[in-house]
PDB file of N, CA and C in Angstrom:
ATOM      1  N   MET A   1     -16.725  -0.838  -5.903  1.00  0.00           N
ATOM      2  CA  MET A   1     -16.042   0.429  -5.800  1.00  0.00           C
ATOM      3  C   MET A   1     -16.409   1.299  -7.002  1.00  0.00           C
ATOM      4  N   LYS A   2     -16.638   2.561  -6.750  1.00  0.00           N
ATOM      5  CA  LYS A   2     -17.028   3.492  -7.805  1.00  0.00           C
ATOM      6  C   LYS A   2     -15.786   4.022  -8.532  1.00  0.00           C
ATOM      7  N   MET A   3     -15.884   4.105  -9.859  1.00  0.00           N
ATOM      8  CA  MET A   3     -14.777   4.624 -10.657  1.00  0.00           C
ATOM      9  C   MET A   3     -14.635   6.133 -10.426  1.00  0.00           C
ATOM     10  N   ILE A   4     -13.401   6.591 -10.416  1.00  0.00           N
ATOM     11  CA  ILE A   4     -13.146   8.026 -10.319  1.00  0.00           C
ATOM     12  C   ILE A   4     -13.563   8.664 -11.640  1.00  0.00           C
ATOM     13  N   GLU A   5     -14.384   9.681 -11.581  1.00  0.00           N
ATOM     14  CA  GLU A   5     -14.863  10.368 -12.783  1.00  0.00           C
ATOM     15  C   GLU A   5     -13.871  11.445 -13.199  1.00  0.00           C
ATOM     16  N   PRO A   6     -13.450  11.441 -14.458  1.00  0.00           N
ATOM     17  CA  PRO A   6     -12.558  12.505 -14.926  1.00  0.00           C
ATOM     18  C   PRO A   6     -13.268  13.861 -14.920  1.00  0.00           C
ATOM     19  N   LYS A   7     -12.587  14.870 -14.428  1.00  0.00           N
ATOM     20  CA  LYS A   7     -13.123  16.232 -14.443  1.00  0.00           C
ATOM     21  C   LYS A   7     -13.050  16.794 -15.866  1.00  0.00           C
ATOM     22  N   GLU A   8     -11.971  16.405 -16.586  1.00  0.00           N
ATOM     23  CA  GLU A   8     -11.754  16.954 -17.926  1.00  0.00           C
ATOM     24  C   GLU A   8     -10.978  15.947 -18.769  1.00  0.00           C
ATOM     25  N   ILE A   9     -11.291  15.882 -20.053  1.00  0.00           N
ATOM     26  CA  ILE A   9     -10.528  15.074 -20.997  1.00  0.00           C
ATOM     27  C   ILE A   9      -9.935  16.030 -22.024  1.00  0.00           C
ATOM     28  N   ILE A  10      -8.614  16.063 -22.073  1.00  0.00           N
ATOM     29  CA  ILE A  10      -7.908  16.964 -22.982  1.00  0.00           C
ATOM     30  C   ILE A  10      -7.328  16.116 -24.111  1.00  0.00           C
ATOM     31  N   ARG A  11      -7.754  16.397 -25.326  1.00  0.00           N
ATOM     32  CA  ARG A  11      -7.273  15.653 -26.494  1.00  0.00           C
ATOM     33  C   ARG A  11      -6.208  16.478 -27.217  1.00  0.00           C
ATOM     34  N   SER A  12      -5.187  15.762 -27.672  1.00  0.00           N
ATOM     35  CA  SER A  12      -4.097  16.427 -28.397  1.00  0.00           C
ATOM     36  C   SER A  12      -3.431  15.416 -29.327  1.00  0.00           C
ATOM     37  N   ARG A  13      -2.343  15.829 -29.943  1.00  0.00           N
ATOM     38  CA  ARG A  13      -1.650  14.964 -30.905  1.00  0.00           C
ATOM     39  C   ARG A  13      -0.698  13.997 -30.218  1.00  0.00           C
ATOM     40  N   ARG A  14      -0.914  13.667 -28.995  1.00  0.00           N
ATOM     41  CA  ARG A  14      -0.066  12.735 -28.265  1.00  0.00           C
ATOM     42  C   ARG A  14      -0.349  11.305 -28.694  1.00  0.00           C
ATOM     43  N   ARG A  15       0.475  10.362 -28.286  1.00  0.00           N
ATOM     44  CA  ARG A  15       0.308   8.961 -28.663  1.00  0.00           C
ATOM     45  C   ARG A  15      -0.238   8.097 -27.532  1.00  0.00           C
ATOM     46  N   THR A  16      -0.184   8.591 -26.320  1.00  0.00           N
ATOM     47  CA  THR A  16      -0.594   7.783 -25.178  1.00  0.00           C
ATOM     48  C   THR A  16      -1.663   8.492 -24.351  1.00  0.00           C
ATOM     49  N   ILE A  17      -2.332   7.711 -23.512  1.00  0.00           N
ATOM     50  CA  ILE A  17      -3.303   8.273 -22.571  1.00  0.00           C
ATOM     51  C   ILE A  17      -2.581   8.467 -21.245  1.00  0.00           C
ATOM     52  N   ALA A  18      -2.786   9.607 -20.623  1.00  0.00           N
ATOM     53  CA  ALA A  18      -2.148   9.896 -19.338  1.00  0.00           C
ATOM     54  C   ALA A  18      -3.192  10.422 -18.359  1.00  0.00           C
ATOM     55  N   LEU A  19      -2.981  10.102 -17.093  1.00  0.00           N
ATOM     56  CA  LEU A  19      -3.848  10.599 -16.029  1.00  0.00           C
ATOM     57  C   LEU A  19      -3.038  11.551 -15.166  1.00  0.00           C
ATOM     58  N   GLU A  20      -3.678  12.625 -14.744  1.00  0.00           N
ATOM     59  CA  GLU A  20      -3.027  13.528 -13.803  1.00  0.00           C
ATOM     60  C   GLU A  20      -4.054  14.030 -12.810  1.00  0.00           C
ATOM     61  N   ILE A  21      -3.580  14.378 -11.640  1.00  0.00           N
ATOM     62  CA  ILE A  21      -4.429  14.926 -10.594  1.00  0.00           C
ATOM     63  C   ILE A  21      -4.026  16.386 -10.431  1.00  0.00           C
ATOM     64  N   ASN A  22      -5.011  17.299 -10.560  1.00  0.00           N
ATOM     65  CA  ASN A  22      -4.675  18.718 -10.434  1.00  0.00           C
ATOM     66  C   ASN A  22      -4.611  19.127  -8.960  1.00  0.00           C
ATOM     67  N   ALA A  23      -4.336  20.393  -8.704  1.00  0.00           N
ATOM     68  CA  ALA A  23      -4.167  20.894  -7.337  1.00  0.00           C
ATOM     69  C   ALA A  23      -5.434  20.733  -6.491  1.00  0.00           C
ATOM     70  N   GLN A  24      -6.592  20.676  -7.146  1.00  0.00           N
ATOM     71  CA  GLN A  24      -7.858  20.511  -6.427  1.00  0.00           C
ATOM     72  C   GLN A  24      -8.197  19.034  -6.202  1.00  0.00           C
ATOM     73  N   GLY A  25      -7.324  18.131  -6.657  1.00  0.00           N
ATOM     74  CA  GLY A  25      -7.551  16.705  -6.489  1.00  0.00           C
ATOM     75  C   GLY A  25      -8.475  16.106  -7.537  1.00  0.00           C
ATOM     76  N   GLU A  26      -8.687  16.812  -8.643  1.00  0.00           N
ATOM     77  CA  GLU A  26      -9.563  16.331  -9.709  1.00  0.00           C
ATOM     78  C   GLU A  26      -8.748  15.561 -10.745  1.00  0.00           C
ATOM     79  N   LEU A  27      -9.367  14.546 -11.340  1.00  0.00           N
ATOM     80  CA  LEU A  27      -8.706  13.726 -12.351  1.00  0.00           C
ATOM     81  C   LEU A  27      -8.808  14.395 -13.718  1.00  0.00           C
ATOM     82  N   ILE A  28      -7.659  14.582 -14.361  1.00  0.00           N
ATOM     83  CA  ILE A  28      -7.585  15.123 -15.710  1.00  0.00           C
ATOM     84  C   ILE A  28      -7.021  14.009 -16.599  1.00  0.00           C
ATOM     85  N   VAL A  29      -7.678  13.741 -17.721  1.00  0.00           N
ATOM     86  CA  VAL A  29      -7.220  12.718 -18.660  1.00  0.00           C
ATOM     87  C   VAL A  29      -6.691  13.417 -19.900  1.00  0.00           C
ATOM     88  N   ARG A  30      -5.495  13.032 -20.308  1.00  0.00           N
ATOM     89  CA  ARG A  30      -4.918  13.531 -21.561  1.00  0.00           C
ATOM     90  C   ARG A  30      -4.897  12.355 -22.520  1.00  0.00           C
ATOM     91  N   ALA A  31      -5.475  12.547 -23.703  1.00  0.00           N
ATOM     92  CA  ALA A  31      -5.619  11.439 -24.643  1.00  0.00           C
ATOM     93  C   ALA A  31      -5.385  11.910 -26.076  1.00  0.00           C
ATOM     94  N   PRO A  32      -4.963  10.972 -26.946  1.00  0.00           N
ATOM     95  CA  PRO A  32      -4.803  11.325 -28.356  1.00  0.00           C
ATOM     96  C   PRO A  32      -6.164  11.534 -29.022  1.00  0.00           C
ATOM     97  N   PHE A  33      -6.179  12.306 -30.089  1.00  0.00           N
ATOM     98  CA  PHE A  33      -7.422  12.537 -30.824  1.00  0.00           C
ATOM     99  C   PHE A  33      -8.063  11.226 -31.260  1.00  0.00           C
ATOM    100  N   ARG A  34      -7.252  10.249 -31.637  1.00  0.00           N
ATOM    101  CA  ARG A  34      -7.775   8.999 -32.192  1.00  0.00           C
ATOM    102  C   ARG A  34      -8.347   8.039 -31.141  1.00  0.00           C
ATOM    103  N   ALA A  35      -8.113   8.296 -29.863  1.00  0.00           N
ATOM    104  CA  ALA A  35      -8.611   7.402 -28.810  1.00  0.00           C
ATOM    105  C   ALA A  35     -10.126   7.566 -28.654  1.00  0.00           C
ATOM    106  N   SER A  36     -10.823   6.435 -28.642  1.00  0.00           N
ATOM    107  CA  SER A  36     -12.282   6.485 -28.455  1.00  0.00           C
ATOM    108  C   SER A  36     -12.594   6.681 -26.970  1.00  0.00           C
ATOM    109  N   MET A  37     -13.807   7.100 -26.679  1.00  0.00           N
ATOM    110  CA  MET A  37     -14.224   7.261 -25.284  1.00  0.00           C
ATOM    111  C   MET A  37     -14.150   5.921 -24.556  1.00  0.00           C
ATOM    112  N   GLU A  38     -14.479   4.845 -25.264  1.00  0.00           N
ATOM    113  CA  GLU A  38     -14.416   3.511 -24.655  1.00  0.00           C
ATOM    114  C   GLU A  38     -12.978   3.178 -24.235  1.00  0.00           C
ATOM    115  N   GLN A  39     -12.012   3.496 -25.089  1.00  0.00           N
ATOM    116  CA  GLN A  39     -10.610   3.245 -24.754  1.00  0.00           C
ATOM    117  C   GLN A  39     -10.177   4.085 -23.555  1.00  0.00           C
ATOM    118  N   ILE A  40     -10.617   5.318 -23.522  1.00  0.00           N
ATOM    119  CA  ILE A  40     -10.248   6.209 -22.419  1.00  0.00           C
ATOM    120  C   ILE A  40     -10.839   5.698 -21.109  1.00  0.00           C
ATOM    121  N   ILE A  41     -12.123   5.368 -21.116  1.00  0.00           N
ATOM    122  CA  ILE A  41     -12.785   4.879 -19.898  1.00  0.00           C
ATOM    123  C   ILE A  41     -12.163   3.555 -19.455  1.00  0.00           C
ATOM    124  N   ASP A  42     -11.884   2.649 -20.385  1.00  0.00           N
ATOM    125  CA  ASP A  42     -11.234   1.378 -20.044  1.00  0.00           C
ATOM    126  C   ASP A  42      -9.881   1.625 -19.374  1.00  0.00           C
ATOM    127  N   PHE A  43      -9.128   2.591 -19.903  1.00  0.00           N
ATOM    128  CA  PHE A  43      -7.828   2.922 -19.330  1.00  0.00           C
ATOM    129  C   PHE A  43      -7.980   3.447 -17.904  1.00  0.00           C
ATOM    130  N   VAL A  44      -8.936   4.347 -17.704  1.00  0.00           N
ATOM    131  CA  VAL A  44      -9.173   4.919 -16.372  1.00  0.00           C
ATOM    132  C   VAL A  44      -9.563   3.812 -15.389  1.00  0.00           C
ATOM    133  N   ILE A  45     -10.449   2.910 -15.794  1.00  0.00           N
ATOM    134  CA  ILE A  45     -10.885   1.811 -14.930  1.00  0.00           C
ATOM    135  C   ILE A  45      -9.704   0.909 -14.581  1.00  0.00           C
ATOM    136  N   LYS A  46      -8.905   0.561 -15.577  1.00  0.00           N
ATOM    137  CA  LYS A  46      -7.750  -0.310 -15.345  1.00  0.00           C
ATOM    138  C   LYS A  46      -6.763   0.331 -14.371  1.00  0.00           C
ATOM    139  N   GLN A  47      -6.480   1.599 -14.573  1.00  0.00           N
ATOM    140  CA  GLN A  47      -5.539   2.296 -13.691  1.00  0.00           C
ATOM    141  C   GLN A  47      -6.096   2.410 -12.280  1.00  0.00           C
ATOM    142  N   ASP A  48      -7.408   2.632 -12.162  1.00  0.00           N
ATOM    143  CA  ASP A  48      -8.041   2.737 -10.848  1.00  0.00           C
ATOM    144  C   ASP A  48      -7.931   1.405 -10.108  1.00  0.00           C
ATOM    145  N   LYS A  49      -8.139   0.295 -10.821  1.00  0.00           N
ATOM    146  CA  LYS A  49      -8.019  -1.036 -10.206  1.00  0.00           C
ATOM    147  C   LYS A  49      -6.591  -1.281  -9.758  1.00  0.00           C
ATOM    148  N   CYS A  50      -5.617  -0.924 -10.601  1.00  0.00           N
ATOM    149  CA  CYS A  50      -4.205  -1.120 -10.242  1.00  0.00           C
ATOM    150  C   CYS A  50      -3.854  -0.317  -9.004  1.00  0.00           C
ATOM    151  N   ARG A  51      -4.301   0.909  -8.958  1.00  0.00           N
ATOM    152  CA  ARG A  51      -3.993   1.752  -7.804  1.00  0.00           C
ATOM    153  C   ARG A  51      -4.671   1.232  -6.543  1.00  0.00           C
ATOM    154  N   SER A  52      -5.882   0.697  -6.671  1.00  0.00           N
ATOM    155  CA  SER A  52      -6.580   0.127  -5.520  1.00  0.00           C
ATOM    156  C   SER A  52      -5.813  -1.074  -4.983  1.00  0.00           C
ATOM    157  N   GLU A  53      -5.325  -1.927  -5.884  1.00  0.00           N
ATOM    158  CA  GLU A  53      -4.541  -3.090  -5.466  1.00  0.00           C
ATOM    159  C   GLU A  53      -3.233  -2.651  -4.832  1.00  0.00           C
ATOM    160  N   ASP A  54      -2.593  -1.617  -5.396  1.00  0.00           N
ATOM    161  CA  ASP A  54      -1.357  -1.093  -4.823  1.00  0.00           C
ATOM    162  C   ASP A  54      -1.595  -0.559  -3.419  1.00  0.00           C
ATOM    163  N   ARG A  55      -2.699   0.196  -3.238  1.00  0.00           N
ATOM    164  CA  ARG A  55      -3.037   0.730  -1.921  1.00  0.00           C
ATOM    165  C   ARG A  55      -3.279  -0.397  -0.931  1.00  0.00           C
ATOM    166  N   ARG A  56      -4.024  -1.418  -1.370  1.00  0.00           N
ATOM    167  CA  ARG A  56      -4.327  -2.557  -0.509  1.00  0.00           C
ATOM    168  C   ARG A  56      -3.040  -3.264  -0.094  1.00  0.00           C
ATOM    169  N   SER A  57      -2.134  -3.483  -1.042  1.00  0.00           N
ATOM    170  CA  SER A  57      -0.850  -4.134  -0.741  1.00  0.00           C
ATOM    171  C   SER A  57      -0.031  -3.288   0.230  1.00  0.00           C
ATOM    172  N   LEU A  58      -0.005  -1.990   0.001  1.00  0.00           N
ATOM    173  CA  LEU A  58       0.750  -1.093   0.863  1.00  0.00           C
ATOM    174  C   LEU A  58       0.193  -1.112   2.285  1.00  0.00           C
ATOM    175  N   ILE A  59      -1.112  -1.083   2.422  1.00  0.00           N
ATOM    176  CA  ILE A  59      -1.735  -1.109   3.744  1.00  0.00           C
ATOM    177  C   ILE A  59      -1.399  -2.412   4.466  1.00  0.00           C
ATOM    178  N   LEU A  60      -1.488  -3.553   3.753  1.00  0.00           N
ATOM    179  CA  LEU A  60      -1.150  -4.839   4.366  1.00  0.00           C
ATOM    180  C   LEU A  60       0.314  -4.879   4.791  1.00  0.00           C
ATOM    181  N   GLU A  61       1.195  -4.371   3.944  1.00  0.00           N
ATOM    182  CA  GLU A  61       2.622  -4.353   4.268  1.00  0.00           C
ATOM    183  C   GLU A  61       2.893  -3.475   5.485  1.00  0.00           C
ATOM    184  N   LEU A  62       2.287  -2.289   5.532  1.00  0.00           N
ATOM    185  CA  LEU A  62       2.464  -1.400   6.677  1.00  0.00           C
ATOM    186  C   LEU A  62       1.924  -2.046   7.948  1.00  0.00           C
ATOM    187  N   HIS A  63       0.782  -2.725   7.837  1.00  0.00           N
ATOM    188  CA  HIS A  63       0.195  -3.395   8.991  1.00  0.00           C
ATOM    189  C   HIS A  63       1.143  -4.468   9.519  1.00  0.00           C
ATOM    190  N   ARG A  64       1.741  -5.260   8.605  1.00  0.00           N
ATOM    191  CA  ARG A  64       2.691  -6.300   9.010  1.00  0.00           C
ATOM    192  C   ARG A  64       3.914  -5.677   9.699  1.00  0.00           C
ATOM    193  N   GLU A  65       4.428  -4.578   9.136  1.00  0.00           N
ATOM    194  CA  GLU A  65       5.599  -3.928   9.722  1.00  0.00           C
ATOM    195  C   GLU A  65       5.279  -3.373  11.102  1.00  0.00           C
ATOM    196  N   ILE A  66       4.118  -2.757  11.239  1.00  0.00           N
ATOM    197  CA  ILE A  66       3.726  -2.202  12.536  1.00  0.00           C
ATOM    198  C   ILE A  66       3.559  -3.326  13.554  1.00  0.00           C
ATOM    199  N   SER A  67       2.934  -4.426  13.133  1.00  0.00           N
ATOM    200  CA  SER A  67       2.762  -5.570  14.035  1.00  0.00           C
ATOM    201  C   SER A  67       4.111  -6.112  14.472  1.00  0.00           C
ATOM    202  N   CYS A  68       5.052  -6.181  13.528  1.00  0.00           N
ATOM    203  CA  CYS A  68       6.392  -6.670  13.835  1.00  0.00           C
ATOM    204  C   CYS A  68       7.082  -5.736  14.822  1.00  0.00           C
ATOM    205  N   ILE A  69       6.988  -4.449  14.606  1.00  0.00           N
ATOM    206  CA  ILE A  69       7.609  -3.459  15.496  1.00  0.00           C
ATOM    207  C   ILE A  69       7.004  -3.568  16.890  1.00  0.00           C
ATOM    208  N   ILE A  70       5.698  -3.708  16.958  1.00  0.00           N
ATOM    209  CA  ILE A  70       5.027  -3.826  18.257  1.00  0.00           C
ATOM    210  C   ILE A  70       5.506  -5.084  18.976  1.00  0.00           C
ATOM    211  N   LYS A  71       5.599  -6.204  18.263  1.00  0.00           N
ATOM    212  CA  LYS A  71       6.059  -7.458  18.866  1.00  0.00           C
ATOM    213  C   LYS A  71       7.494  -7.316  19.367  1.00  0.00           C
ATOM    214  N   VAL A  72       8.355  -6.701  18.568  1.00  0.00           N
ATOM    215  CA  VAL A  72       9.752  -6.534  18.964  1.00  0.00           C
ATOM    216  C   VAL A  72       9.840  -5.643  20.191  1.00  0.00           C
ATOM    217  N   ASN A  73       9.080  -4.550  20.226  1.00  0.00           N
ATOM    218  CA  ASN A  73       9.098  -3.637  21.375  1.00  0.00           C
ATOM    219  C   ASN A  73       8.542  -4.308  22.617  1.00  0.00           C
ATOM    220  N   CYS A  74       7.566  -5.188  22.461  1.00  0.00           N
ATOM    221  CA  CYS A  74       6.997  -5.880  23.614  1.00  0.00           C
ATOM    222  C   CYS A  74       7.982  -6.905  24.170  1.00  0.00           C
ATOM    223  N   ILE A  75       8.768  -7.529  23.297  1.00  0.00           N
ATOM    224  CA  ILE A  75       9.729  -8.541  23.719  1.00  0.00           C
ATOM    225  C   ILE A  75      10.889  -7.870  24.472  1.00  0.00           C
ATOM    226  N   LEU A  76      11.307  -6.698  24.006  1.00  0.00           N
ATOM    227  CA  LEU A  76      12.410  -5.991  24.653  1.00  0.00           C
ATOM    228  C   LEU A  76      11.929  -5.481  25.967  1.00  0.00           C
TER     229      LEU A  76
END
């Protein structure tokens, strides 16, 4: 799977790295001045993996629920 490329990295006096999606669906990264590019990219990759796993889990759960609903409707 390809990593989502940040459209922009905004550095400020913040303490944490944050990801946001703008109205155009582009990834914006907010990071502290002291964060290295390696730390920022590692964070983006980690978050992308977590979201992929969350999506996969959600899809499996929805599939199970739909299958259950279909079975119940067929039995009735």
